[in-house]
C-alpha atoms as a PDB file:
ATOM      1  CA  THR A   1     -97.904 131.923 -45.909  1.00  0.00           C
ATOM      2  CA  ARG A   2     -98.127 130.362 -49.363  1.00  0.00           C
ATOM      3  CA  SER A   3     -98.227 132.711 -52.336  1.00  0.00           C
ATOM      4  CA  ARG A   4    -101.664 131.520 -53.463  1.00  0.00           C
ATOM      5  CA  VAL A   5    -103.189 132.070 -50.025  1.00  0.00           C
ATOM      6  CA  ARG A   6    -101.457 135.445 -49.767  1.00  0.00           C
ATOM      7  CA  ALA A   7    -102.895 136.472 -53.144  1.00  0.00           C
ATOM      8  CA  MET A   8    -106.408 135.490 -52.054  1.00  0.00           C
ATOM      9  CA  PHE A   9    -106.006 137.391 -48.796  1.00  0.00           C
ATOM     10  CA  ARG A  10    -104.745 140.441 -50.695  1.00  0.00           C
ATOM     11  CA  HIS A  11    -107.823 140.262 -52.921  1.00  0.00           C
ATOM     12  CA  ARG A  12    -110.116 140.209 -49.882  1.00  0.00           C
ATOM     13  CA  LEU A  13    -108.292 143.160 -48.327  1.00  0.00           C
ATOM     14  CA  CYS A  14    -108.711 145.175 -51.525  1.00  0.00           C
ATOM     15  CA  GLU A  15    -112.386 144.251 -51.669  1.00  0.00           C
ATOM     16  CA  ALA A  16    -112.857 145.454 -48.088  1.00  0.00           C
ATOM     17  CA  ARG A  17    -111.089 148.710 -48.951  1.00  0.00           C
ATOM     18  CA  ARG A  18    -113.369 149.299 -51.968  1.00  0.00           C
ATOM     19  CA  GLU A  19    -116.507 148.502 -49.941  1.00  0.00           C
ATOM     20  CA  ALA A  20    -115.410 150.867 -47.177  1.00  0.00           C
ATOM     21  CA  ALA A  21    -114.600 153.627 -49.689  1.00  0.00           C
ATOM     22  CA  ALA A  22    -118.072 153.269 -51.255  1.00  0.00           C
ATOM     23  CA  LYS A  23    -119.837 154.106 -47.991  1.00  0.00           C
ATOM     24  CA  HIS A  24    -120.980 157.639 -47.235  1.00  0.00           C
ATOM     25  CA  THR A  25    -118.947 157.793 -44.021  1.00  0.00           C
ATOM     26  CA  VAL A  26    -115.387 156.680 -43.371  1.00  0.00           C
ATOM     27  CA  VAL A  27    -115.447 153.085 -42.128  1.00  0.00           C
ATOM     28  CA  ARG A  28    -112.227 151.236 -41.406  1.00  0.00           C
ATOM     29  CA  PRO A  29    -112.360 147.486 -42.203  1.00  0.00           C
ATOM     30  CA  ARG A  30    -112.054 145.084 -39.257  1.00  0.00           C
ATOM     31  CA  LEU A  31    -109.768 142.062 -39.016  1.00  0.00           C
ATOM     32  CA  ILE A  32    -111.083 139.669 -36.353  1.00  0.00           C
ATOM     33  CA  CYS A  33    -108.318 137.396 -35.062  1.00  0.00           C
ATOM     34  CA  GLY A  34    -109.067 134.611 -32.580  1.00  0.00           C
ATOM     35  CA  GLY A  35    -106.153 133.494 -30.426  1.00  0.00           C
ATOM     36  CA  GLY A  36    -103.425 134.885 -28.207  1.00  0.00           C
ATOM     37  CA  ASP A  37    -100.596 137.366 -28.635  1.00  0.00           C
ATOM     38  CA  GLY A  38     -98.665 135.093 -30.995  1.00  0.00           C
ATOM     39  CA  THR A  39    -101.698 134.683 -33.239  1.00  0.00           C
ATOM     40  CA  ALA A  40    -102.147 138.453 -33.310  1.00  0.00           C
ATOM     41  CA  THR A  41     -98.522 138.832 -34.388  1.00  0.00           C
ATOM     42  CA  PHE A  42     -99.022 136.299 -37.160  1.00  0.00           C
ATOM     43  CA  ALA A  43    -102.247 138.039 -38.303  1.00  0.00           C
ATOM     44  CA  LEU A  44    -100.488 141.407 -38.546  1.00  0.00           C
ATOM     45  CA  ASN A  45     -97.640 139.774 -40.420  1.00  0.00           C
ATOM     46  CA  CYS A  46    -100.145 138.352 -42.935  1.00  0.00           C
ATOM     47  CA  VAL A  47    -101.654 141.796 -43.522  1.00  0.00           C
ATOM     48  CA  PHE A  48     -98.258 143.401 -44.117  1.00  0.00           C
ATOM     49  CA  GLY A  49     -97.173 140.472 -46.287  1.00  0.00           C
ATOM     50  CA  ALA A  50    -100.283 140.805 -48.441  1.00  0.00           C
ATOM     51  CA  LEU A  51     -99.920 144.565 -48.900  1.00  0.00           C
ATOM     52  CA  LEU A  52     -96.193 144.586 -49.688  1.00  0.00           C
ATOM     53  CA  SER A  53     -94.836 144.132 -53.200  1.00  0.00           C
ATOM     54  CA  GLU A  54     -91.715 142.126 -54.003  1.00  0.00           C
ATOM     55  CA  ASP A  55     -89.554 145.272 -53.881  1.00  0.00           C
ATOM     56  CA  GLY A  56     -90.799 146.118 -50.370  1.00  0.00           C
ATOM     57  CA  ALA A  57     -93.160 148.968 -51.324  1.00  0.00           C
ATOM     58  CA  PHE A  58     -96.800 149.076 -50.250  1.00  0.00           C
ATOM     59  CA  LEU A  59     -99.361 148.291 -52.931  1.00  0.00           C
ATOM     60  CA  TRP A  60    -101.821 150.803 -51.498  1.00  0.00           C
ATOM     61  CA  ALA A  61    -101.404 154.565 -51.638  1.00  0.00           C
ATOM     62  CA  GLU A  62    -100.350 156.247 -48.411  1.00  0.00           C
ATOM     63  CA  SER A  63    -103.788 157.832 -48.042  1.00  0.00           C
ATOM     64  CA  ASP A  64    -105.483 154.417 -48.398  1.00  0.00           C
ATOM     65  CA  LEU A  65    -103.189 152.918 -45.756  1.00  0.00           C
ATOM     66  CA  ALA A  66    -104.022 155.754 -43.370  1.00  0.00           C
ATOM     67  CA  THR A  67    -107.757 155.375 -43.918  1.00  0.00           C
ATOM     68  CA  TYR A  68    -108.432 151.718 -44.711  1.00  0.00           C
ATOM     69  CA  PHE A  69    -105.667 149.680 -43.105  1.00  0.00           C
ATOM     70  CA  PRO A  70    -107.726 147.091 -41.189  1.00  0.00           C
ATOM     71  CA  ALA A  71    -108.272 147.591 -37.482  1.00  0.00           C
ATOM     72  CA  LEU A  72    -107.289 144.510 -35.485  1.00  0.00           C
ATOM     73  CA  VAL A  73    -110.047 143.036 -33.334  1.00  0.00           C
ATOM     74  CA  GLN A  74    -108.350 140.527 -31.043  1.00  0.00           C
ATOM     75  CA  MET A  75    -110.663 137.783 -29.768  1.00  0.00           C
ATOM     76  CA  PRO A  76    -109.050 136.690 -26.452  1.00  0.00           C
ATOM     77  CA  LEU A  77    -108.692 132.945 -26.969  1.00  0.00           C
ATOM     78  CA  GLY A  78    -105.051 132.599 -25.897  1.00  0.00           C
ATOM     79  CA  THR A  79    -103.372 132.271 -22.509  1.00  0.00           C
ATOM     80  CA  GLY A  80    -102.285 135.746 -21.430  1.00  0.00           C
ATOM     81  CA  ASN A  81    -104.161 137.804 -24.049  1.00  0.00           C
ATOM     82  CA  ASP A  82    -102.116 140.899 -23.189  1.00  0.00           C
ATOM     83  CA  LEU A  83    -102.750 142.656 -26.507  1.00  0.00           C
ATOM     84  CA  ALA A  84    -106.494 142.014 -26.358  1.00  0.00           C
ATOM     85  CA  GLY A  85    -106.594 143.437 -22.844  1.00  0.00           C
ATOM     86  CA  VAL A  86    -104.626 146.552 -23.795  1.00  0.00           C
ATOM     87  CA  LEU A  87    -106.861 147.201 -26.807  1.00  0.00           C
ATOM     88  CA  GLY A  88    -110.035 146.838 -24.742  1.00  0.00           C
ATOM     89  CA  TRP A  89    -111.217 143.431 -26.010  1.00  0.00           C
ATOM     90  CA  LEU A  90    -110.981 141.803 -22.541  1.00  0.00           C
ATOM     91  CA  ARG A  91    -108.533 139.119 -21.430  1.00  0.00           C
ATOM     92  CA  THR A  92    -111.064 136.286 -21.631  1.00  0.00           C
ATOM     93  CA  ILE A  93    -113.959 135.719 -24.002  1.00  0.00           C
ATOM     94  CA  PRO A  94    -117.335 136.372 -22.278  1.00  0.00           C
ATOM     95  CA  GLY A  95    -118.981 133.234 -20.938  1.00  0.00           C
ATOM     96  CA  SER A  96    -122.659 133.932 -21.631  1.00  0.00           C
ATOM     97  CA  LEU A  97    -124.192 133.943 -25.115  1.00  0.00           C
ATOM     98  CA  VAL A  98    -125.684 137.404 -24.481  1.00  0.00           C
ATOM     99  CA  ARG A  99    -122.297 138.915 -23.624  1.00  0.00           C
ATOM    100  CA  ARG A 100    -120.628 137.143 -26.555  1.00  0.00           C
ATOM    101  CA  LYS A 101    -123.234 138.579 -28.916  1.00  0.00           C
ATOM    102  CA  LYS A 102    -122.571 142.027 -27.479  1.00  0.00           C
ATOM    103  CA  TRP A 103    -118.815 141.451 -27.972  1.00  0.00           C
ATOM    104  CA  PHE A 104    -119.294 140.765 -31.694  1.00  0.00           C
ATOM    105  CA  GLU A 105    -121.652 143.733 -32.074  1.00  0.00           C
ATOM    106  CA  ASP A 106    -118.961 145.980 -30.589  1.00  0.00           C
ATOM    107  CA  ALA A 107    -116.306 144.403 -32.810  1.00  0.00           C
ATOM    108  CA  LEU A 108    -118.268 145.193 -35.977  1.00  0.00           C
ATOM    109  CA  SER A 109    -119.624 148.574 -34.922  1.00  0.00           C
ATOM    110  CA  PRO A 110    -118.256 151.583 -36.864  1.00  0.00           C
ATOM    111  CA  ALA A 111    -118.750 153.625 -33.700  1.00  0.00           C
ATOM    112  CA  ARG A 112    -116.220 151.558 -31.777  1.00  0.00           C
ATOM    113  CA  PRO A 113    -113.261 153.839 -30.930  1.00  0.00           C
ATOM    114  CA  LEU A 114    -109.885 152.921 -32.418  1.00  0.00           C
ATOM    115  CA  ARG A 115    -106.566 152.811 -30.579  1.00  0.00           C
ATOM    116  CA  LEU A 116    -103.419 153.503 -32.557  1.00  0.00           C
ATOM    117  CA  PHE A 117    -100.269 151.574 -31.714  1.00  0.00           C
ATOM    118  CA  ASP A 118     -96.835 151.131 -33.235  1.00  0.00           C
ATOM    119  CA  VAL A 119     -95.822 147.914 -34.947  1.00  0.00           C
ATOM    120  CA  TRP A 120     -92.135 147.132 -34.701  1.00  0.00           C
ATOM    121  CA  GLY A 121     -90.110 144.173 -35.783  1.00  0.00           C
ATOM    122  CA  ILE A 122     -86.871 142.617 -36.892  1.00  0.00           C
ATOM    123  CA  LEU A 123     -86.328 142.702 -40.646  1.00  0.00           C
ATOM    124  CA  PRO A 124     -83.559 140.214 -41.447  1.00  0.00           C
ATOM    125  CA  ASP A 125     -81.636 140.198 -44.689  1.00  0.00           C
ATOM    126  CA  ASP A 126     -81.535 137.161 -46.960  1.00  0.00           C
ATOM    127  CA  ASN A 127     -78.438 135.756 -45.250  1.00  0.00           C
ATOM    128  CA  LEU A 128     -79.986 135.473 -41.785  1.00  0.00           C
ATOM    129  CA  ARG A 129     -81.278 132.070 -40.710  1.00  0.00           C
ATOM    130  CA  VAL A 130     -83.884 132.031 -37.970  1.00  0.00           C
ATOM    131  CA  CYS A 131     -83.920 129.194 -35.446  1.00  0.00           C
ATOM    132  CA  GLN A 132     -86.079 128.237 -32.510  1.00  0.00           C
ATOM    133  CA  MET A 133     -85.635 126.047 -29.470  1.00  0.00           C
ATOM    134  CA  THR A 134     -86.847 122.485 -30.085  1.00  0.00           C
ATOM    135  CA  GLY A 135     -85.883 120.805 -26.822  1.00  0.00           C
ATOM    136  CA  LEU A 136     -83.186 120.050 -24.287  1.00  0.00           C
ATOM    137  CA  LYS A 137     -80.342 117.543 -24.362  1.00  0.00           C
ATOM    138  CA  SER A 138     -78.429 117.057 -21.128  1.00  0.00           C
ATOM    139  CA  SER A 139     -80.051 120.320 -19.889  1.00  0.00           C
ATOM    140  CA  LEU A 140     -78.620 122.223 -22.879  1.00  0.00           C
ATOM    141  CA  PRO A 141     -80.922 123.904 -25.450  1.00  0.00           C
ATOM    142  CA  VAL A 142     -81.277 122.212 -28.825  1.00  0.00           C
ATOM    143  CA  MET A 143     -82.054 124.590 -31.712  1.00  0.00           C
ATOM    144  CA  GLY A 144     -83.787 123.863 -34.991  1.00  0.00           C
ATOM    145  CA  THR A 145     -84.991 125.734 -38.069  1.00  0.00           C
ATOM    146  CA  ALA A 146     -87.925 128.006 -37.295  1.00  0.00           C
ATOM    147  CA  GLY A 147     -91.263 127.147 -38.849  1.00  0.00           C
ATOM    148  CA  PRO A 148     -93.572 129.411 -40.885  1.00  0.00           C
ATOM    149  CA  ALA A 149     -95.303 130.630 -37.718  1.00  0.00           C
ATOM    150  CA  VAL A 150     -92.155 132.620 -36.822  1.00  0.00           C
ATOM    151  CA  PRO A 151     -92.667 135.615 -39.133  1.00  0.00           C
ATOM    152  CA  PHE A 152     -89.973 137.927 -37.658  1.00  0.00           C
ATOM    153  CA  LEU A 153     -91.790 140.943 -39.006  1.00  0.00           C
ATOM    154  CA  SER A 154     -94.109 142.275 -36.324  1.00  0.00           C
ATOM    155  CA  LEU A 155     -93.296 141.438 -32.704  1.00  0.00           C
ATOM    156  CA  LEU A 156     -95.163 142.012 -29.467  1.00  0.00           C
ATOM    157  CA  TYR A 157     -92.349 140.897 -27.195  1.00  0.00           C
ATOM    158  CA  PHE A 158     -88.620 140.539 -27.434  1.00  0.00           C
ATOM    159  CA  SER A 159     -86.796 139.007 -24.494  1.00  0.00           C
ATOM    160  CA  MET A 160     -83.398 137.560 -23.599  1.00  0.00           C
ATOM    161  CA  GLY A 161     -82.079 135.456 -20.773  1.00  0.00           C
ATOM    162  CA  PHE A 162     -84.474 134.147 -18.133  1.00  0.00           C
ATOM    163  CA  GLU A 163     -87.726 135.408 -19.662  1.00  0.00           C
ATOM    164  CA  ALA A 164     -86.800 134.096 -23.097  1.00  0.00           C
ATOM    165  CA  PHE A 165     -85.847 130.689 -21.692  1.00  0.00           C
ATOM    166  CA  VAL A 166     -89.103 130.399 -19.732  1.00  0.00           C
ATOM    167  CA  ALA A 167     -91.114 131.355 -22.827  1.00  0.00           C
ATOM    168  CA  ALA A 168     -89.247 128.798 -24.952  1.00  0.00           C
ATOM    169  CA  GLN A 169     -89.767 126.070 -22.362  1.00  0.00           C
ATOM    170  CA  PHE A 170     -93.447 126.932 -22.138  1.00  0.00           C
ATOM    171  CA  GLU A 171     -93.880 126.711 -25.904  1.00  0.00           C
ATOM    172  CA  LEU A 172     -92.425 123.203 -25.835  1.00  0.00           C
ATOM    173  CA  ASN A 173     -94.976 122.189 -23.179  1.00  0.00           C
ATOM    174  CA  ARG A 174     -98.039 124.227 -24.172  1.00  0.00           C
ATOM    175  CA  ARG A 175    -101.366 122.777 -22.953  1.00  0.00           C
ATOM    176  CA  ASP A 176    -104.874 122.838 -24.390  1.00  0.00           C
ATOM    177  CA  GLY A 177    -106.524 124.808 -21.591  1.00  0.00           C
ATOM    178  CA  ARG A 178    -105.856 128.335 -20.354  1.00  0.00           C
ATOM    179  CA  ILE A 179    -105.581 127.377 -16.668  1.00  0.00           C
ATOM    180  CA  ALA A 180    -103.252 124.496 -17.528  1.00  0.00           C
ATOM    181  CA  ASN A 181    -101.050 126.924 -19.475  1.00  0.00           C
ATOM    182  CA  PHE A 182    -100.806 129.259 -16.479  1.00  0.00           C
ATOM    183  CA  MET A 183     -99.758 126.300 -14.329  1.00  0.00           C
ATOM    184  CA  GLU A 184     -97.144 125.362 -16.953  1.00  0.00           C
ATOM    185  CA  TYR A 185     -95.767 128.904 -16.874  1.00  0.00           C
ATOM    186  CA  ALA A 186     -95.414 128.695 -13.076  1.00  0.00           C
ATOM    187  CA  LYS A 187     -93.678 125.342 -13.398  1.00  0.00           C
ATOM    188  CA  GLN A 188     -91.151 126.651 -15.941  1.00  0.00           C
ATOM    189  CA  ILE A 189     -90.471 129.789 -13.886  1.00  0.00           C
ATOM    190  CA  GLY A 190     -89.630 127.601 -10.884  1.00  0.00           C
ATOM    191  CA  ALA A 191     -87.441 125.317 -12.984  1.00  0.00           C
ATOM    192  CA  GLY A 192     -85.586 128.288 -14.452  1.00  0.00           C
ATOM    193  CA  LEU A 193     -84.933 129.855 -11.053  1.00  0.00           C
ATOM    194  CA  LEU A 194     -84.227 126.816  -8.887  1.00  0.00           C
ATOM    195  CA  GLY A 195     -83.724 123.783 -11.106  1.00  0.00           C
ATOM    196  CA  SER A 196     -80.707 122.467 -12.938  1.00  0.00           C
ATOM    197  CA  ARG A 197     -81.727 124.445 -16.022  1.00  0.00           C
ATOM    198  CA  ARG A 198     -81.073 127.819 -14.385  1.00  0.00           C
ATOM    199  CA  ARG A 199     -77.584 127.973 -15.909  1.00  0.00           C
ATOM    200  CA  ASN A 200     -79.187 128.240 -19.357  1.00  0.00           C
ATOM    201  CA  VAL A 201     -80.357 131.778 -18.623  1.00  0.00           C
ATOM    202  CA  ASP A 202     -76.836 133.149 -18.186  1.00  0.00           C
ATOM    203  CA  LEU A 203     -76.079 135.750 -20.853  1.00  0.00           C
ATOM    204  CA  THR A 204     -72.328 135.837 -20.295  1.00  0.00           C
ATOM    205  CA  GLY A 205     -70.595 136.135 -23.658  1.00  0.00           C
ATOM    206  CA  VAL A 206     -73.573 137.585 -25.569  1.00  0.00           C
ATOM    207  CA  LYS A 207     -72.377 140.221 -28.016  1.00  0.00           C
ATOM    208  CA  LEU A 208     -74.530 142.954 -29.504  1.00  0.00           C
ATOM    209  CA  MET A 209     -73.449 144.163 -32.931  1.00  0.00           C
ATOM    210  CA  MET A 210     -74.644 147.688 -33.658  1.00  0.00           C
ATOM    211  CA  SER A 211     -73.661 150.546 -35.918  1.00  0.00           C
ATOM    212  CA  GLY A 212     -72.273 153.808 -34.604  1.00  0.00           C
ATOM    213  CA  ASP A 213     -71.027 154.474 -31.095  1.00  0.00           C
ATOM    214  CA  GLU A 214     -74.307 153.833 -29.236  1.00  0.00           C
ATOM    215  CA  GLN A 215     -74.126 151.141 -26.568  1.00  0.00           C
ATOM    216  CA  PHE A 216     -77.210 150.519 -24.498  1.00  0.00           C
ATOM    217  CA  PHE A 217     -76.021 147.845 -22.072  1.00  0.00           C
ATOM    218  CA  PRO A 218     -73.846 147.606 -20.173  1.00  0.00           C
ATOM    219  CA  PRO A 219     -73.249 151.366 -19.751  1.00  0.00           C
ATOM    220  CA  VAL A 220     -69.937 152.466 -21.248  1.00  0.00           C
ATOM    221  CA  ASP A 221     -68.692 153.803 -17.908  1.00  0.00           C
ATOM    222  CA  ARG A 222     -69.352 150.529 -16.125  1.00  0.00           C
ATOM    223  CA  PRO A 223     -66.357 148.198 -15.553  1.00  0.00           C
ATOM    224  CA  LYS A 224     -66.434 145.028 -17.591  1.00  0.00           C
ATOM    225  CA  SER A 225     -66.305 141.618 -15.955  1.00  0.00           C
ATOM    226  CA  ASP A 226     -66.962 138.049 -16.983  1.00  0.00           C
ATOM    227  CA  SER A 227     -70.358 138.135 -15.311  1.00  0.00           C
ATOM    228  CA  GLU A 228     -71.638 141.112 -17.334  1.00  0.00           C
ATOM    229  CA  TYR A 229     -72.948 141.485 -20.845  1.00  0.00           C
ATOM    230  CA  MET A 230     -70.465 142.086 -23.622  1.00  0.00           C
ATOM    231  CA  SER A 231     -71.306 144.689 -26.238  1.00  0.00           C
ATOM    232  CA  LEU A 232     -69.425 145.659 -29.362  1.00  0.00           C
END
């Protein structure tokens, strides 16, 4: 997000905090985000980016963050809409105008119950370069520099191997409609399991660098072989 846009967004967040604080009862601001799980991730990243200073500290006091950090209202306009479903905002937007009106009334109602959830992410240092899959060449993945929509701050999913390859292939072939996207997912799952691309999901040779003596997979008492993960 550009610095000017981030500054404007920060200003709006502070305005919402002041308006909420001026009310007689505690009202948490709402952030309505239309899209799927990836859009929700990007929206949360924008909020954190706007409220963090250059030295990594929050601009708001801890009490303000606890009381006025905006509640995410996820409008289910994506494909899977897992986060919207978990938070109670349905997995598809209501079809009728009456039900849509009721959806927005619930979204803006102070009486709507809130659900707390953890936000986790990968915080790279300045030397890390993030890449993303841009295509295939002779059935081998081709990587390129990640765009601004890959925030690497707040993540909903983190996957490796088959699931990651299917997700990457789907992103390269994303469709306009929800049903078409589900069909594309099914196509990429079949190609990953049975097609010539299945060898791209092999994790042989992957090394996990971690501090301390903790090793999560493979278990330390399990014999190593070329077909297993390698951890260090």
